[in-house]
Amino acid sequence: MTSGIIVSAIVEQDGHLLMVREQHPGHPPQWVLPGGLSERGELVHQAFVREVREETGLIVAAPTELAFVAQYTITGEPGWDGEWTVFAFAAGPPVGRIDVADPDGLVLEAAWVPFEDAVARLAEHHFKPRRDPLLAYLTEEVAPGALWLWPDGVHAAPFIVQSSLSAL
């Protein structure tokens, strides 16, 4: 069993959302947000900056808002079996130009996608823990900083803990 920390980057600019088209072996390409696994000895804000740079070529200074945290367990999927914690952050405007240099070789392209089109693309994602918290954040159905838990498995309904600070 494996476990790990994943970061996800929400970068908006001029009504567009930064997205990457990635392809995992044995799966069709899909549009997602930049992000990936935190490396050993790396804090989540460092992984966030590194993943955006590697997957898009753009540079963000640091996270500006905690969008959500999600935690779930995967079983029956080789290479992914284990406990996973996802930290999704929003970022301020990036600098630079799009230039994919993904060392994992999964990112095929990066692009600025009109917000509504980006939300529609993200809604097509089959994996609930990757899709649902993100859509709830982007559509403002759940306040920033919420904790999403899947105690009964990723196919069951999540348990959502809202931040008491978000009500202020």
C-alpha atoms as a PDB file:
ATOM      1  CA  MET A   1       0.000   0.000   0.000  1.00  0.00           C
ATOM      2  CA  THR A   2       1.098   3.478  -0.871  1.00  0.00           C
ATOM      3  CA  SER A   3       0.124   6.811   0.520  1.00  0.00           C
ATOM      4  CA  GLY A   4       0.963  10.301  -0.504  1.00  0.00           C
ATOM      5  CA  ILE A   5       0.253  13.973  -0.745  1.00  0.00           C
ATOM      6  CA  ILE A   6      -1.042  15.493  -3.957  1.00  0.00           C
ATOM      7  CA  VAL A   7      -1.251  19.193  -4.793  1.00  0.00           C
ATOM      8  CA  SER A   8      -3.642  20.771  -7.247  1.00  0.00           C
ATOM      9  CA  ALA A   9      -3.329  24.309  -8.640  1.00  0.00           C
ATOM     10  CA  ILE A  10      -6.232  26.617  -9.394  1.00  0.00           C
ATOM     11  CA  VAL A  11      -4.820  29.457 -11.483  1.00  0.00           C
ATOM     12  CA  GLU A  12      -7.284  31.938 -12.969  1.00  0.00           C
ATOM     13  CA  GLN A  13      -6.542  34.871 -15.236  1.00  0.00           C
ATOM     14  CA  ASP A  14      -8.819  37.086 -17.320  1.00  0.00           C
ATOM     15  CA  GLY A  15     -11.798  34.721 -17.075  1.00  0.00           C
ATOM     16  CA  HIS A  16      -9.705  31.667 -17.961  1.00  0.00           C
ATOM     17  CA  LEU A  17      -8.507  28.699 -15.925  1.00  0.00           C
ATOM     18  CA  LEU A  18      -5.080  27.147 -16.437  1.00  0.00           C
ATOM     19  CA  MET A  19      -5.465  23.495 -17.439  1.00  0.00           C
ATOM     20  CA  VAL A  20      -3.270  20.664 -18.640  1.00  0.00           C
ATOM     21  CA  ARG A  21      -4.152  17.767 -20.900  1.00  0.00           C
ATOM     22  CA  GLU A  22      -2.560  14.682 -19.422  1.00  0.00           C
ATOM     23  CA  GLN A  23      -2.482  11.030 -20.356  1.00  0.00           C
ATOM     24  CA  HIS A  24      -1.775   8.216 -17.928  1.00  0.00           C
ATOM     25  CA  PRO A  25      -0.719   4.854 -19.431  1.00  0.00           C
ATOM     26  CA  GLY A  26      -3.744   2.812 -20.442  1.00  0.00           C
ATOM     27  CA  HIS A  27      -6.160   5.756 -20.147  1.00  0.00           C
ATOM     28  CA  PRO A  28      -7.413   8.332 -22.657  1.00  0.00           C
ATOM     29  CA  PRO A  29      -6.132  11.920 -22.387  1.00  0.00           C
ATOM     30  CA  GLN A  30      -8.093  14.225 -20.096  1.00  0.00           C
ATOM     31  CA  TRP A  31      -8.083  17.898 -19.142  1.00  0.00           C
ATOM     32  CA  VAL A  32      -7.275  18.550 -15.472  1.00  0.00           C
ATOM     33  CA  LEU A  33      -5.641  21.212 -13.337  1.00  0.00           C
ATOM     34  CA  PRO A  34      -1.863  21.330 -12.946  1.00  0.00           C
ATOM     35  CA  GLY A  35      -0.633  19.358  -9.969  1.00  0.00           C
ATOM     36  CA  GLY A  36       0.871  16.141  -8.781  1.00  0.00           C
ATOM     37  CA  LEU A  37       2.659  14.303  -6.023  1.00  0.00           C
ATOM     38  CA  SER A  38       4.654  16.106  -3.386  1.00  0.00           C
ATOM     39  CA  GLU A  39       8.233  14.860  -3.369  1.00  0.00           C
ATOM     40  CA  ARG A  40      10.039  13.565  -0.289  1.00  0.00           C
ATOM     41  CA  GLY A  41      11.077  16.459   1.965  1.00  0.00           C
ATOM     42  CA  GLU A  42       8.898  18.933   0.079  1.00  0.00           C
ATOM     43  CA  LEU A  43       6.173  20.973   1.775  1.00  0.00           C
ATOM     44  CA  VAL A  44       2.856  21.383  -0.052  1.00  0.00           C
ATOM     45  CA  HIS A  45       3.416  25.029  -1.001  1.00  0.00           C
ATOM     46  CA  GLN A  46       6.756  24.070  -2.564  1.00  0.00           C
ATOM     47  CA  ALA A  47       5.180  21.179  -4.480  1.00  0.00           C
ATOM     48  CA  PHE A  48       2.461  23.545  -5.684  1.00  0.00           C
ATOM     49  CA  VAL A  49       4.963  26.015  -7.169  1.00  0.00           C
ATOM     50  CA  ARG A  50       7.108  23.228  -8.674  1.00  0.00           C
ATOM     51  CA  GLU A  51       4.175  21.368 -10.262  1.00  0.00           C
ATOM     52  CA  VAL A  52       2.792  24.515 -11.915  1.00  0.00           C
ATOM     53  CA  ARG A  53       6.255  25.329 -13.318  1.00  0.00           C
ATOM     54  CA  GLU A  54       6.923  21.780 -14.573  1.00  0.00           C
ATOM     55  CA  GLU A  55       3.522  21.182 -16.111  1.00  0.00           C
ATOM     56  CA  THR A  56       2.916  24.618 -17.618  1.00  0.00           C
ATOM     57  CA  GLY A  57       6.196  26.566 -17.647  1.00  0.00           C
ATOM     58  CA  LEU A  58       4.490  29.345 -15.688  1.00  0.00           C
ATOM     59  CA  ILE A  59       5.736  30.621 -12.350  1.00  0.00           C
ATOM     60  CA  VAL A  60       3.454  31.302  -9.395  1.00  0.00           C
ATOM     61  CA  ALA A  61       4.845  32.877  -6.241  1.00  0.00           C
ATOM     62  CA  ALA A  62       2.926  30.795  -3.703  1.00  0.00           C
ATOM     63  CA  PRO A  63      -0.624  29.706  -2.916  1.00  0.00           C
ATOM     64  CA  THR A  64      -2.987  32.581  -2.154  1.00  0.00           C
ATOM     65  CA  GLU A  65      -5.921  30.541  -0.811  1.00  0.00           C
ATOM     66  CA  LEU A  66      -6.602  27.027   0.411  1.00  0.00           C
ATOM     67  CA  ALA A  67      -9.413  25.865  -1.868  1.00  0.00           C
ATOM     68  CA  PHE A  68      -9.956  22.488  -0.167  1.00  0.00           C
ATOM     69  CA  VAL A  69      -8.337  19.411   1.300  1.00  0.00           C
ATOM     70  CA  ALA A  70      -9.564  15.957   0.252  1.00  0.00           C
ATOM     71  CA  GLN A  71      -8.652  12.600   1.751  1.00  0.00           C
ATOM     72  CA  TYR A  72      -9.549   9.141   0.497  1.00  0.00           C
ATOM     73  CA  THR A  73      -8.367   5.550   0.194  1.00  0.00           C
ATOM     74  CA  ILE A  74      -8.031   3.684  -3.084  1.00  0.00           C
ATOM     75  CA  THR A  75      -8.179  -0.104  -3.268  1.00  0.00           C
ATOM     76  CA  GLY A  76      -7.874  -2.424  -6.228  1.00  0.00           C
ATOM     77  CA  GLU A  77      -5.877  -0.095  -8.451  1.00  0.00           C
ATOM     78  CA  PRO A  78      -2.204  -1.110  -8.725  1.00  0.00           C
ATOM     79  CA  GLY A  79       0.156   1.786  -8.144  1.00  0.00           C
ATOM     80  CA  TRP A  80      -2.555   3.845  -6.474  1.00  0.00           C
ATOM     81  CA  ASP A  81      -3.717   1.581  -3.629  1.00  0.00           C
ATOM     82  CA  GLY A  82      -3.395   3.538  -0.389  1.00  0.00           C
ATOM     83  CA  GLU A  83      -4.328   6.701   1.438  1.00  0.00           C
ATOM     84  CA  TRP A  84      -4.143  10.001  -0.395  1.00  0.00           C
ATOM     85  CA  THR A  85      -4.432  13.584   0.765  1.00  0.00           C
ATOM     86  CA  VAL A  86      -4.999  16.348  -1.785  1.00  0.00           C
ATOM     87  CA  PHE A  87      -4.276  20.003  -1.059  1.00  0.00           C
ATOM     88  CA  ALA A  88      -5.864  22.298  -3.652  1.00  0.00           C
ATOM     89  CA  PHE A  89      -4.708  25.898  -3.655  1.00  0.00           C
ATOM     90  CA  ALA A  90      -5.562  28.979  -5.672  1.00  0.00           C
ATOM     91  CA  ALA A  91      -2.730  31.181  -6.930  1.00  0.00           C
ATOM     92  CA  GLY A  92      -2.289  34.756  -8.010  1.00  0.00           C
ATOM     93  CA  PRO A  93      -1.413  35.671 -11.589  1.00  0.00           C
ATOM     94  CA  PRO A  94       1.536  33.708 -12.961  1.00  0.00           C
ATOM     95  CA  VAL A  95       4.505  35.031 -14.870  1.00  0.00           C
ATOM     96  CA  GLY A  96       6.156  33.573 -17.935  1.00  0.00           C
ATOM     97  CA  ARG A  97       4.753  31.755 -20.917  1.00  0.00           C
ATOM     98  CA  ILE A  98       3.300  28.297 -21.351  1.00  0.00           C
ATOM     99  CA  ASP A  99       6.079  25.797 -21.990  1.00  0.00           C
ATOM    100  CA  VAL A 100       5.410  22.228 -20.817  1.00  0.00           C
ATOM    101  CA  ALA A 101       8.439  20.460 -19.325  1.00  0.00           C
ATOM    102  CA  ASP A 102       6.759  17.662 -17.337  1.00  0.00           C
ATOM    103  CA  PRO A 103       9.481  15.251 -16.140  1.00  0.00           C
ATOM    104  CA  ASP A 104       6.819  12.545 -15.695  1.00  0.00           C
ATOM    105  CA  GLY A 105       5.884  12.750 -19.373  1.00  0.00           C
ATOM    106  CA  LEU A 106       2.149  12.760 -18.590  1.00  0.00           C
ATOM    107  CA  VAL A 107       1.279  16.323 -19.637  1.00  0.00           C
ATOM    108  CA  LEU A 108       0.653  16.637 -23.371  1.00  0.00           C
ATOM    109  CA  GLU A 109      -0.190  20.346 -23.386  1.00  0.00           C
ATOM    110  CA  ALA A 110      -1.183  23.282 -21.188  1.00  0.00           C
ATOM    111  CA  ALA A 111      -3.640  26.017 -22.050  1.00  0.00           C
ATOM    112  CA  TRP A 112      -5.769  28.853 -20.749  1.00  0.00           C
ATOM    113  CA  VAL A 113      -9.364  27.620 -21.029  1.00  0.00           C
ATOM    114  CA  PRO A 114     -12.421  29.909 -20.713  1.00  0.00           C
ATOM    115  CA  PHE A 115     -13.835  29.413 -17.209  1.00  0.00           C
ATOM    116  CA  GLU A 116     -17.165  27.873 -18.269  1.00  0.00           C
ATOM    117  CA  ASP A 117     -15.441  25.478 -20.679  1.00  0.00           C
ATOM    118  CA  ALA A 118     -12.939  24.519 -17.971  1.00  0.00           C
ATOM    119  CA  VAL A 119     -15.738  23.731 -15.511  1.00  0.00           C
ATOM    120  CA  ALA A 120     -17.458  21.608 -18.173  1.00  0.00           C
ATOM    121  CA  ARG A 121     -14.230  19.700 -18.873  1.00  0.00           C
ATOM    122  CA  LEU A 122     -13.630  19.103 -15.171  1.00  0.00           C
ATOM    123  CA  ALA A 123     -17.233  17.895 -14.729  1.00  0.00           C
ATOM    124  CA  GLU A 124     -16.487  15.061 -17.169  1.00  0.00           C
ATOM    125  CA  HIS A 125     -13.809  13.581 -14.893  1.00  0.00           C
ATOM    126  CA  HIS A 126     -14.830  10.120 -13.683  1.00  0.00           C
ATOM    127  CA  PHE A 127     -13.040  10.207 -10.299  1.00  0.00           C
ATOM    128  CA  LYS A 128     -15.307  11.820  -7.681  1.00  0.00           C
ATOM    129  CA  PRO A 129     -12.547  12.900  -5.243  1.00  0.00           C
ATOM    130  CA  ARG A 130     -10.808  14.741  -8.056  1.00  0.00           C
ATOM    131  CA  ARG A 131     -13.998  16.212  -9.542  1.00  0.00           C
ATOM    132  CA  ASP A 132     -16.498  17.040  -6.798  1.00  0.00           C
ATOM    133  CA  PRO A 133     -14.466  19.228  -4.393  1.00  0.00           C
ATOM    134  CA  LEU A 134     -13.038  21.196  -7.290  1.00  0.00           C
ATOM    135  CA  LEU A 135     -16.399  21.864  -8.918  1.00  0.00           C
ATOM    136  CA  ALA A 136     -17.932  22.811  -5.561  1.00  0.00           C
ATOM    137  CA  TYR A 137     -15.099  25.306  -4.989  1.00  0.00           C
ATOM    138  CA  LEU A 138     -15.183  26.783  -8.509  1.00  0.00           C
ATOM    139  CA  THR A 139     -18.971  27.200  -8.472  1.00  0.00           C
ATOM    140  CA  GLU A 140     -18.874  28.539  -4.894  1.00  0.00           C
ATOM    141  CA  GLU A 141     -21.193  25.793  -3.608  1.00  0.00           C
ATOM    142  CA  VAL A 142     -18.746  25.146  -0.772  1.00  0.00           C
ATOM    143  CA  ALA A 143     -16.649  27.811   0.913  1.00  0.00           C
ATOM    144  CA  PRO A 144     -12.854  27.761   0.580  1.00  0.00           C
ATOM    145  CA  GLY A 145     -10.959  25.635   3.071  1.00  0.00           C
ATOM    146  CA  ALA A 146     -13.418  22.734   3.276  1.00  0.00           C
ATOM    147  CA  LEU A 147     -12.231  19.231   4.152  1.00  0.00           C
ATOM    148  CA  TRP A 148     -13.646  16.451   1.960  1.00  0.00           C
ATOM    149  CA  LEU A 149     -13.459  12.907   3.353  1.00  0.00           C
ATOM    150  CA  TRP A 150     -14.493   9.608   1.774  1.00  0.00           C
ATOM    151  CA  PRO A 151     -14.683   7.284   4.825  1.00  0.00           C
ATOM    152  CA  ASP A 152     -16.809   4.694   2.990  1.00  0.00           C
ATOM    153  CA  GLY A 153     -14.771   4.578  -0.215  1.00  0.00           C
ATOM    154  CA  VAL A 154     -14.428   6.795  -3.256  1.00  0.00           C
ATOM    155  CA  HIS A 155     -17.714   5.624  -4.781  1.00  0.00           C
ATOM    156  CA  ALA A 156     -19.736   6.625  -1.707  1.00  0.00           C
ATOM    157  CA  ALA A 157     -20.878  10.093  -0.713  1.00  0.00           C
ATOM    158  CA  PRO A 158     -18.232  12.313   0.863  1.00  0.00           C
ATOM    159  CA  PHE A 159     -18.348  13.801   4.336  1.00  0.00           C
ATOM    160  CA  ILE A 160     -17.648  17.546   4.092  1.00  0.00           C
ATOM    161  CA  VAL A 161     -16.286  19.575   6.990  1.00  0.00           C
ATOM    162  CA  GLN A 162     -16.671  23.284   6.363  1.00  0.00           C
ATOM    163  CA  SER A 163     -14.234  25.739   7.895  1.00  0.00           C
ATOM    164  CA  SER A 164     -15.779  27.814  10.666  1.00  0.00           C
ATOM    165  CA  LEU A 165     -13.624  30.717   9.468  1.00  0.00           C
ATOM    166  CA  SER A 166     -15.352  30.686   6.071  1.00  0.00           C
ATOM    167  CA  ALA A 167     -18.582  31.822   7.742  1.00  0.00           C
ATOM    168  CA  LEU A 168     -16.961  35.073   8.965  1.00  0.00           C
END
